[in-house]
């Protein structure tokens, strides 16, 4: 009797469609877009980073250590080594036409990196990343020095995030 009228068939079709949709959705996985996923988090935490030569390279290194280990610090036993070389340069300095004094500019922070396995020396990833930070040059000398340092710090943090993404992608492929 239930299947003899049109509403019973419609309800049965809805139930079958709902079960099919539920079975289809059950196979899906939901993961955060920027998650470390799988064992990549453990691999990231086992990356050691070369010592820094200057202040900006130290800022990049500190940010990378924090990002790779999730705030846990440097690894005791590292499986991978990241060789890092950071350079800073001023480009595009705008001069005041009347006084010929710099008023604004851009700082370009560039890093060359090489990620290798410690036990075999095999290169996992290498490359060059750059970030640009805008800076205003105030009239006061201390304010000018502080503005440059703040721009270097901003660029260093951004550069560390880019390198972390590259390292995570390289380790996820293995």
N, C-alpha and C. Protein backbone atom coordinates (compact mmCIF):
# COMPACT_ATOMS: atom_id res chain seq x y z
N UNK A 1 0.81 -1.19 0.00
CA UNK A 1 0.00 0.00 0.00
C UNK A 1 0.85 1.26 0.00
N UNK A 2 2.00 1.18 0.67
CA UNK A 2 2.85 2.35 0.78
C UNK A 2 3.41 2.75 -0.57
N UNK A 3 3.71 1.77 -1.42
CA UNK A 3 4.32 2.07 -2.70
C UNK A 3 3.29 2.32 -3.79
N UNK A 4 2.04 2.12 -3.51
CA UNK A 4 1.03 2.25 -4.55
C UNK A 4 0.73 3.70 -4.90
N UNK A 5 0.82 4.59 -3.96
CA UNK A 5 0.55 6.00 -4.30
C UNK A 5 1.86 6.73 -4.61
N UNK A 6 1.81 7.89 -5.20
CA UNK A 6 2.98 8.64 -5.64
C UNK A 6 3.82 9.18 -4.50
N UNK A 7 3.23 9.52 -3.36
CA UNK A 7 4.00 10.07 -2.25
C UNK A 7 4.90 9.03 -1.61
N UNK A 8 4.48 7.80 -1.59
CA UNK A 8 5.31 6.73 -1.03
C UNK A 8 6.57 6.52 -1.86
N UNK A 9 6.42 6.56 -3.17
CA UNK A 9 7.59 6.42 -4.05
C UNK A 9 8.53 7.61 -3.88
N UNK A 10 7.93 8.76 -3.74
CA UNK A 10 8.75 9.96 -3.57
C UNK A 10 9.55 9.90 -2.27
N UNK A 11 8.90 9.43 -1.20
CA UNK A 11 9.60 9.30 0.09
C UNK A 11 10.70 8.26 0.00
N UNK A 12 10.44 7.16 -0.68
CA UNK A 12 11.44 6.11 -0.84
C UNK A 12 12.62 6.62 -1.68
N UNK A 13 12.33 7.39 -2.70
CA UNK A 13 13.40 7.96 -3.54
C UNK A 13 14.22 8.97 -2.74
N UNK A 14 13.56 9.76 -1.91
CA UNK A 14 14.29 10.71 -1.06
C UNK A 14 15.17 9.98 -0.07
N UNK A 15 14.68 8.92 0.52
CA UNK A 15 15.45 8.13 1.47
C UNK A 15 16.66 7.48 0.79
N UNK A 16 16.44 6.93 -0.39
CA UNK A 16 17.56 6.30 -1.13
C UNK A 16 18.58 7.35 -1.55
N UNK A 17 18.11 8.50 -1.99
CA UNK A 17 19.03 9.58 -2.37
C UNK A 17 19.81 10.10 -1.17
N UNK A 18 19.15 10.21 -0.04
CA UNK A 18 19.83 10.66 1.18
C UNK A 18 20.89 9.68 1.63
N UNK A 19 20.58 8.37 1.56
CA UNK A 19 21.56 7.35 1.93
C UNK A 19 22.74 7.35 0.96
N UNK A 20 22.48 7.53 -0.33
CA UNK A 20 23.56 7.59 -1.32
C UNK A 20 24.45 8.80 -1.07
N UNK A 21 23.83 9.93 -0.77
CA UNK A 21 24.61 11.15 -0.47
C UNK A 21 25.42 10.97 0.80
N UNK A 22 24.86 10.34 1.80
CA UNK A 22 25.57 10.08 3.04
C UNK A 22 26.76 9.15 2.81
N UNK A 23 26.58 8.14 1.98
CA UNK A 23 27.69 7.24 1.66
C UNK A 23 28.78 7.97 0.88
N UNK A 24 28.39 8.87 0.01
CA UNK A 24 29.36 9.64 -0.77
C UNK A 24 30.15 10.60 0.12
N UNK A 25 29.48 11.27 1.02
CA UNK A 25 30.13 12.23 1.91
C UNK A 25 30.99 11.52 2.95
N UNK A 26 30.66 10.30 3.31
CA UNK A 26 31.43 9.57 4.31
C UNK A 26 32.87 9.33 3.86
N UNK A 27 33.10 9.30 2.56
CA UNK A 27 34.45 9.09 2.04
C UNK A 27 35.27 10.36 2.00
N UNK A 28 34.68 11.50 2.24
CA UNK A 28 35.42 12.77 2.18
C UNK A 28 36.19 13.00 3.47
N UNK A 29 37.29 13.72 3.33
CA UNK A 29 38.07 14.12 4.50
C UNK A 29 38.09 15.64 4.55
N UNK A 30 38.01 16.14 5.75
CA UNK A 30 38.09 17.57 5.93
C UNK A 30 39.34 17.86 6.74
N UNK A 31 40.24 18.65 6.17
CA UNK A 31 41.48 19.05 6.85
C UNK A 31 41.64 20.55 6.70
N UNK A 32 42.20 21.19 7.69
CA UNK A 32 42.50 22.61 7.54
C UNK A 32 43.48 22.82 6.38
N UNK A 33 43.32 23.91 5.67
CA UNK A 33 44.14 24.19 4.49
C UNK A 33 45.62 24.26 4.83
N UNK A 34 45.97 24.86 5.96
CA UNK A 34 47.37 25.04 6.30
C UNK A 34 47.83 24.06 7.38
N UNK A 35 47.17 22.91 7.49
CA UNK A 35 47.59 21.95 8.48
C UNK A 35 48.88 21.29 8.05
N UNK A 36 49.60 20.76 9.02
CA UNK A 36 50.83 20.05 8.68
C UNK A 36 50.51 18.68 8.14
N UNK A 37 49.41 18.09 8.55
CA UNK A 37 48.94 16.84 7.99
C UNK A 37 49.90 15.68 8.16
N UNK A 38 49.37 14.52 8.44
CA UNK A 38 50.17 13.31 8.51
C UNK A 38 51.40 13.45 9.39
N UNK A 39 52.52 12.98 8.87
CA UNK A 39 53.77 13.00 9.62
C UNK A 39 54.62 14.23 9.30
N UNK A 40 54.11 15.11 8.46
CA UNK A 40 54.90 16.27 8.07
C UNK A 40 55.23 17.15 9.27
N UNK A 41 54.33 17.24 10.25
CA UNK A 41 54.59 18.03 11.45
C UNK A 41 55.80 17.52 12.20
N UNK A 42 55.93 16.20 12.32
CA UNK A 42 57.10 15.62 12.97
C UNK A 42 58.37 15.85 12.18
N UNK A 43 58.24 15.78 10.87
CA UNK A 43 59.41 16.04 10.02
C UNK A 43 59.85 17.50 10.13
N UNK A 44 58.88 18.41 10.16
CA UNK A 44 59.20 19.83 10.28
C UNK A 44 59.92 20.12 11.59
N UNK A 45 59.50 19.44 12.64
CA UNK A 45 60.11 19.67 13.95
C UNK A 45 61.52 19.09 14.04
N UNK A 46 61.92 18.30 13.05
CA UNK A 46 63.27 17.71 13.08
C UNK A 46 64.21 18.38 12.09
N UNK A 47 63.97 19.64 11.79
CA UNK A 47 64.83 20.40 10.88
C UNK A 47 65.71 21.34 11.71
N UNK A 48 67.03 21.21 11.54
CA UNK A 48 67.94 22.16 12.18
C UNK A 48 68.29 23.24 11.17
N UNK A 49 68.61 24.42 11.66
CA UNK A 49 68.88 25.56 10.79
C UNK A 49 70.27 26.08 11.07
N UNK A 50 70.98 26.46 10.01
CA UNK A 50 72.36 26.95 10.16
C UNK A 50 72.41 28.22 11.00
N UNK A 51 73.56 28.47 11.58
CA UNK A 51 73.75 29.66 12.41
C UNK A 51 73.68 30.93 11.56
N UNK A 52 73.25 32.02 12.17
CA UNK A 52 73.07 33.29 11.47
C UNK A 52 74.36 34.11 11.49
N UNK A 53 74.52 34.93 10.44
CA UNK A 53 75.69 35.81 10.34
C UNK A 53 75.39 37.26 10.72
N UNK A 54 74.13 37.68 10.61
CA UNK A 54 73.79 39.06 10.95
C UNK A 54 72.41 39.11 11.60
N UNK A 55 71.95 40.31 11.95
CA UNK A 55 70.72 40.47 12.69
C UNK A 55 69.49 40.02 11.91
N UNK A 56 69.39 40.38 10.64
CA UNK A 56 68.21 40.02 9.85
C UNK A 56 68.16 38.51 9.63
N UNK A 57 69.31 37.91 9.36
CA UNK A 57 69.34 36.46 9.21
C UNK A 57 68.95 35.77 10.51
N UNK A 58 69.32 36.36 11.63
CA UNK A 58 68.92 35.81 12.93
C UNK A 58 67.41 35.92 13.12
N UNK A 59 66.81 37.01 12.66
CA UNK A 59 65.35 37.16 12.74
C UNK A 59 64.65 36.09 11.91
N UNK A 60 65.15 35.85 10.69
CA UNK A 60 64.57 34.82 9.84
C UNK A 60 64.73 33.45 10.51
N UNK A 61 65.91 33.20 11.03
CA UNK A 61 66.20 31.91 11.69
C UNK A 61 65.28 31.69 12.89
N UNK A 62 65.13 32.71 13.74
CA UNK A 62 64.26 32.59 14.92
C UNK A 62 62.81 32.32 14.52
N UNK A 63 62.33 33.03 13.52
CA UNK A 63 60.96 32.82 13.05
C UNK A 63 60.79 31.42 12.48
N UNK A 64 61.78 30.96 11.74
CA UNK A 64 61.71 29.61 11.18
C UNK A 64 61.70 28.55 12.27
N UNK A 65 62.54 28.71 13.27
CA UNK A 65 62.56 27.75 14.37
C UNK A 65 61.20 27.69 15.03
N UNK A 66 60.58 28.83 15.25
CA UNK A 66 59.26 28.87 15.87
C UNK A 66 58.21 28.22 14.97
N UNK A 67 58.24 28.54 13.67
CA UNK A 67 57.24 28.00 12.74
C UNK A 67 57.41 26.50 12.51
N UNK A 68 58.63 26.05 12.40
CA UNK A 68 58.87 24.63 12.11
C UNK A 68 58.55 23.73 13.29
N UNK A 69 58.90 24.16 14.49
CA UNK A 69 58.72 23.31 15.67
C UNK A 69 57.44 23.65 16.44
N UNK A 70 56.67 24.60 15.97
CA UNK A 70 55.45 24.95 16.68
C UNK A 70 55.70 25.60 18.03
N UNK A 71 56.83 26.30 18.15
CA UNK A 71 57.16 26.97 19.40
C UNK A 71 57.97 26.12 20.36
N UNK A 72 58.33 24.90 19.96
CA UNK A 72 59.05 23.99 20.85
C UNK A 72 60.56 24.23 20.85
N UNK A 73 61.06 25.05 19.98
CA UNK A 73 62.49 25.32 19.93
C UNK A 73 63.21 24.41 18.96
N UNK A 74 64.54 24.45 19.02
CA UNK A 74 65.35 23.65 18.11
C UNK A 74 65.30 22.17 18.48
N UNK A 75 65.38 21.29 17.47
CA UNK A 75 65.32 19.85 17.77
C UNK A 75 66.61 19.35 18.42
N UNK A 76 66.47 18.37 19.30
CA UNK A 76 67.63 17.75 19.93
C UNK A 76 68.36 16.86 18.93
N UNK A 77 67.60 16.06 18.20
CA UNK A 77 68.18 15.21 17.16
C UNK A 77 67.48 15.56 15.85
N UNK A 78 68.22 16.15 14.94
CA UNK A 78 67.65 16.60 13.68
C UNK A 78 67.87 15.56 12.59
N UNK A 79 66.88 15.39 11.75
CA UNK A 79 66.99 14.50 10.60
C UNK A 79 67.32 15.28 9.34
N UNK A 80 67.01 16.59 9.36
CA UNK A 80 67.24 17.44 8.19
C UNK A 80 67.99 18.69 8.63
N UNK A 81 68.72 19.28 7.67
CA UNK A 81 69.45 20.52 7.96
C UNK A 81 69.10 21.55 6.88
N UNK A 82 68.75 22.73 7.32
CA UNK A 82 68.42 23.83 6.42
C UNK A 82 69.56 24.83 6.45
N UNK A 83 70.28 24.93 5.34
CA UNK A 83 71.35 25.92 5.21
C UNK A 83 70.73 27.20 4.68
N UNK A 84 70.95 28.30 5.38
CA UNK A 84 70.25 29.55 5.11
C UNK A 84 71.25 30.68 4.92
N UNK A 85 71.05 31.49 3.88
CA UNK A 85 71.89 32.67 3.64
C UNK A 85 70.97 33.82 3.28
N UNK A 86 70.95 34.86 4.12
CA UNK A 86 70.01 35.98 3.96
C UNK A 86 70.77 37.25 3.65
N UNK A 87 70.27 38.03 2.68
CA UNK A 87 70.84 39.33 2.34
C UNK A 87 69.75 40.39 2.36
N UNK A 88 70.15 41.61 2.65
CA UNK A 88 69.23 42.75 2.70
C UNK A 88 69.78 43.86 1.83
N UNK A 89 68.90 44.51 1.07
CA UNK A 89 69.34 45.67 0.29
C UNK A 89 68.21 46.68 0.16
N UNK A 90 68.59 47.94 0.08
CA UNK A 90 67.64 49.03 -0.13
C UNK A 90 67.49 49.26 -1.62
N UNK A 91 66.26 49.32 -2.08
CA UNK A 91 66.00 49.62 -3.48
C UNK A 91 64.88 50.65 -3.57
N UNK A 92 64.84 51.36 -4.66
CA UNK A 92 63.75 52.28 -4.91
C UNK A 92 63.61 53.38 -3.89
N UNK A 93 64.70 53.97 -3.46
CA UNK A 93 64.63 55.06 -2.49
C UNK A 93 64.12 56.31 -3.19
N UNK A 94 63.07 56.90 -2.63
CA UNK A 94 62.49 58.12 -3.18
C UNK A 94 63.09 59.33 -2.46
N UNK A 95 63.58 60.27 -3.24
CA UNK A 95 64.19 61.47 -2.68
C UNK A 95 63.23 62.63 -2.75
N UNK A 96 63.29 63.50 -1.74
CA UNK A 96 62.55 64.75 -1.75
C UNK A 96 63.21 65.67 -2.77
N UNK A 97 62.46 66.19 -3.71
CA UNK A 97 63.02 66.99 -4.81
C UNK A 97 63.69 68.26 -4.29
N UNK A 98 63.10 68.91 -3.30
CA UNK A 98 63.64 70.18 -2.81
C UNK A 98 64.91 70.00 -1.99
N UNK A 99 64.91 69.01 -1.10
CA UNK A 99 66.04 68.88 -0.17
C UNK A 99 66.99 67.73 -0.50
N UNK A 100 66.62 66.90 -1.45
CA UNK A 100 67.43 65.75 -1.85
C UNK A 100 67.68 64.80 -0.67
N UNK A 101 66.66 64.66 0.19
CA UNK A 101 66.73 63.79 1.36
C UNK A 101 65.82 62.59 1.11
N UNK A 102 66.27 61.38 1.44
CA UNK A 102 65.40 60.21 1.24
C UNK A 102 64.16 60.27 2.12
N UNK A 103 63.00 59.97 1.54
CA UNK A 103 61.73 60.02 2.26
C UNK A 103 61.08 58.64 2.37
N UNK A 104 61.26 57.77 1.39
CA UNK A 104 60.64 56.45 1.41
C UNK A 104 61.49 55.49 0.58
N UNK A 105 61.27 54.23 0.79
CA UNK A 105 62.01 53.24 0.02
C UNK A 105 61.47 51.85 0.27
N UNK A 106 62.18 50.89 -0.28
CA UNK A 106 61.81 49.49 -0.11
C UNK A 106 63.05 48.71 0.32
N UNK A 107 62.84 47.80 1.23
CA UNK A 107 63.89 46.87 1.65
C UNK A 107 63.57 45.51 1.06
N UNK A 108 64.53 44.93 0.37
CA UNK A 108 64.35 43.60 -0.19
C UNK A 108 65.21 42.64 0.62
N UNK A 109 64.56 41.67 1.23
CA UNK A 109 65.25 40.63 2.01
C UNK A 109 65.15 39.35 1.20
N UNK A 110 66.31 38.79 0.88
CA UNK A 110 66.39 37.60 0.03
C UNK A 110 67.09 36.48 0.80
N UNK A 111 66.58 35.27 0.64
CA UNK A 111 67.20 34.11 1.29
C UNK A 111 67.44 33.02 0.26
N UNK A 112 68.64 32.49 0.27
CA UNK A 112 68.97 31.28 -0.46
C UNK A 112 68.98 30.16 0.57
N UNK A 113 68.30 29.06 0.27
CA UNK A 113 68.23 27.98 1.24
C UNK A 113 68.45 26.64 0.55
N UNK A 114 68.89 25.68 1.36
CA UNK A 114 69.11 24.32 0.89
C UNK A 114 68.74 23.37 2.03
N UNK A 115 67.74 22.53 1.80
CA UNK A 115 67.30 21.55 2.78
C UNK A 115 67.87 20.20 2.39
N UNK A 116 68.60 19.58 3.31
CA UNK A 116 69.24 18.29 3.02
C UNK A 116 69.01 17.32 4.17
N UNK A 117 69.00 16.04 3.83
CA UNK A 117 68.96 15.00 4.86
C UNK A 117 70.33 14.95 5.52
N UNK A 118 70.36 14.84 6.83
CA UNK A 118 71.64 14.83 7.53
C UNK A 118 72.39 13.52 7.30
N UNK A 119 71.68 12.40 7.31
CA UNK A 119 72.39 11.11 7.22
C UNK A 119 72.96 10.83 5.83
N UNK A 120 72.27 11.26 4.76
CA UNK A 120 72.76 10.97 3.40
C UNK A 120 73.32 12.19 2.69
N UNK A 121 72.97 13.38 3.14
CA UNK A 121 73.41 14.59 2.46
C UNK A 121 72.59 14.91 1.22
N UNK A 122 71.53 14.13 0.97
CA UNK A 122 70.68 14.33 -0.21
C UNK A 122 69.91 15.64 -0.08
N UNK A 123 69.92 16.44 -1.14
CA UNK A 123 69.18 17.70 -1.15
C UNK A 123 67.70 17.41 -1.37
N UNK A 124 66.89 17.86 -0.44
CA UNK A 124 65.44 17.68 -0.52
C UNK A 124 64.77 18.85 -1.25
N UNK A 125 65.28 20.05 -0.99
CA UNK A 125 64.73 21.25 -1.62
C UNK A 125 65.77 22.35 -1.54
N UNK A 126 65.76 23.20 -2.52
CA UNK A 126 66.62 24.37 -2.49
C UNK A 126 65.95 25.46 -3.30
N UNK A 127 66.31 26.68 -3.02
CA UNK A 127 65.69 27.77 -3.76
C UNK A 127 66.07 29.12 -3.21
N UNK A 128 65.41 30.12 -3.76
CA UNK A 128 65.61 31.51 -3.37
C UNK A 128 64.25 32.15 -3.22
N UNK A 129 64.06 32.81 -2.10
CA UNK A 129 62.82 33.53 -1.82
C UNK A 129 63.16 34.96 -1.45
N UNK A 130 62.28 35.88 -1.83
CA UNK A 130 62.48 37.30 -1.51
C UNK A 130 61.18 37.90 -1.01
N UNK A 131 61.32 38.87 -0.13
CA UNK A 131 60.17 39.66 0.31
C UNK A 131 60.56 41.13 0.26
N UNK A 132 59.57 41.96 0.12
CA UNK A 132 59.78 43.41 0.04
C UNK A 132 58.99 44.08 1.15
N UNK A 133 59.62 44.99 1.84
CA UNK A 133 58.95 45.77 2.89
C UNK A 133 59.14 47.24 2.59
N UNK A 134 58.06 47.98 2.61
CA UNK A 134 58.14 49.43 2.41
C UNK A 134 58.57 50.11 3.69
N UNK A 135 59.28 51.21 3.53
CA UNK A 135 59.76 51.94 4.71
C UNK A 135 59.72 53.43 4.42
N UNK A 136 59.28 54.19 5.41
CA UNK A 136 59.32 55.66 5.34
C UNK A 136 60.51 56.12 6.14
N UNK A 137 61.22 57.12 5.62
CA UNK A 137 62.38 57.67 6.31
C UNK A 137 62.00 59.00 6.93
N UNK A 138 61.71 59.03 8.24
CA UNK A 138 61.38 60.29 8.89
C UNK A 138 62.61 61.20 8.98
N UNK A 139 62.41 62.41 9.42
CA UNK A 139 63.50 63.37 9.53
C UNK A 139 64.42 63.02 10.70
N UNK A 140 63.86 62.57 11.80
CA UNK A 140 64.67 62.25 12.97
C UNK A 140 65.49 60.98 12.70
N UNK A 141 66.75 61.03 13.11
CA UNK A 141 67.67 59.93 12.81
C UNK A 141 67.27 58.64 13.53
N UNK A 142 66.92 58.73 14.81
CA UNK A 142 66.53 57.52 15.53
C UNK A 142 65.27 56.91 14.94
N UNK A 143 64.31 57.75 14.60
CA UNK A 143 63.07 57.25 14.00
C UNK A 143 63.35 56.57 12.66
N UNK A 144 64.31 57.09 11.92
CA UNK A 144 64.70 56.49 10.65
C UNK A 144 65.31 55.11 10.86
N UNK A 145 66.21 55.00 11.84
CA UNK A 145 66.83 53.71 12.15
C UNK A 145 65.78 52.69 12.61
N UNK A 146 64.85 53.15 13.43
CA UNK A 146 63.79 52.27 13.93
C UNK A 146 62.87 51.82 12.80
N UNK A 147 62.56 52.73 11.86
CA UNK A 147 61.70 52.38 10.73
C UNK A 147 62.36 51.32 9.85
N UNK A 148 63.66 51.45 9.64
CA UNK A 148 64.38 50.46 8.85
C UNK A 148 64.39 49.11 9.57
N UNK A 149 64.62 49.12 10.87
CA UNK A 149 64.65 47.87 11.63
C UNK A 149 63.28 47.20 11.63
N UNK A 150 62.22 47.99 11.77
CA UNK A 150 60.87 47.42 11.74
C UNK A 150 60.56 46.81 10.37
N UNK A 151 60.98 47.47 9.30
CA UNK A 151 60.77 46.92 7.96
C UNK A 151 61.56 45.63 7.77
N UNK A 152 62.77 45.59 8.29
CA UNK A 152 63.57 44.35 8.21
C UNK A 152 62.90 43.23 8.97
N UNK A 153 62.36 43.53 10.14
CA UNK A 153 61.68 42.50 10.94
C UNK A 153 60.43 41.97 10.25
N UNK A 154 59.65 42.88 9.65
CA UNK A 154 58.45 42.45 8.91
C UNK A 154 58.82 41.54 7.75
N UNK A 155 59.83 41.95 7.00
CA UNK A 155 60.27 41.15 5.85
C UNK A 155 60.83 39.81 6.30
N UNK A 156 61.54 39.78 7.42
CA UNK A 156 62.12 38.53 7.93
C UNK A 156 61.02 37.55 8.32
N UNK A 157 59.97 38.03 8.99
CA UNK A 157 58.86 37.14 9.36
C UNK A 157 58.16 36.58 8.13
N UNK A 158 57.92 37.43 7.16
CA UNK A 158 57.25 36.99 5.94
C UNK A 158 58.13 35.99 5.17
N UNK A 159 59.41 36.25 5.12
CA UNK A 159 60.34 35.35 4.45
C UNK A 159 60.38 33.99 5.13
N UNK A 160 60.35 33.97 6.45
CA UNK A 160 60.33 32.71 7.19
C UNK A 160 59.07 31.91 6.87
N UNK A 161 57.94 32.56 6.73
CA UNK A 161 56.71 31.86 6.39
C UNK A 161 56.78 31.25 4.99
N UNK A 162 57.39 31.97 4.05
CA UNK A 162 57.53 31.43 2.70
C UNK A 162 58.45 30.21 2.69
N UNK A 163 59.56 30.30 3.40
CA UNK A 163 60.50 29.18 3.44
C UNK A 163 59.88 27.99 4.16
N UNK A 164 59.13 28.24 5.23
CA UNK A 164 58.46 27.15 5.93
C UNK A 164 57.50 26.42 5.00
N UNK A 165 56.76 27.17 4.18
CA UNK A 165 55.85 26.53 3.23
C UNK A 165 56.60 25.68 2.23
N UNK A 166 57.73 26.16 1.74
CA UNK A 166 58.55 25.37 0.80
C UNK A 166 59.09 24.11 1.45
N UNK A 167 59.58 24.23 2.68
CA UNK A 167 60.11 23.07 3.40
C UNK A 167 59.00 22.06 3.68
N UNK A 168 57.84 22.52 4.09
CA UNK A 168 56.72 21.63 4.36
C UNK A 168 56.28 20.89 3.09
N UNK A 169 56.26 21.59 1.97
CA UNK A 169 55.89 20.95 0.71
C UNK A 169 56.93 19.90 0.31
N UNK A 170 58.19 20.21 0.49
CA UNK A 170 59.25 19.25 0.14
C UNK A 170 59.19 18.01 1.03
N UNK A 171 58.94 18.20 2.30
CA UNK A 171 58.88 17.06 3.22
C UNK A 171 57.59 16.25 3.02
N UNK A 172 56.52 16.89 2.60
CA UNK A 172 55.26 16.18 2.36
C UNK A 172 55.36 15.29 1.13
N UNK A 173 56.19 15.67 0.18
CA UNK A 173 56.36 14.85 -1.02
C UNK A 173 57.14 13.57 -0.73
N UNK A 174 57.88 13.52 0.36
CA UNK A 174 58.73 12.35 0.68
C UNK A 174 58.01 11.39 1.57
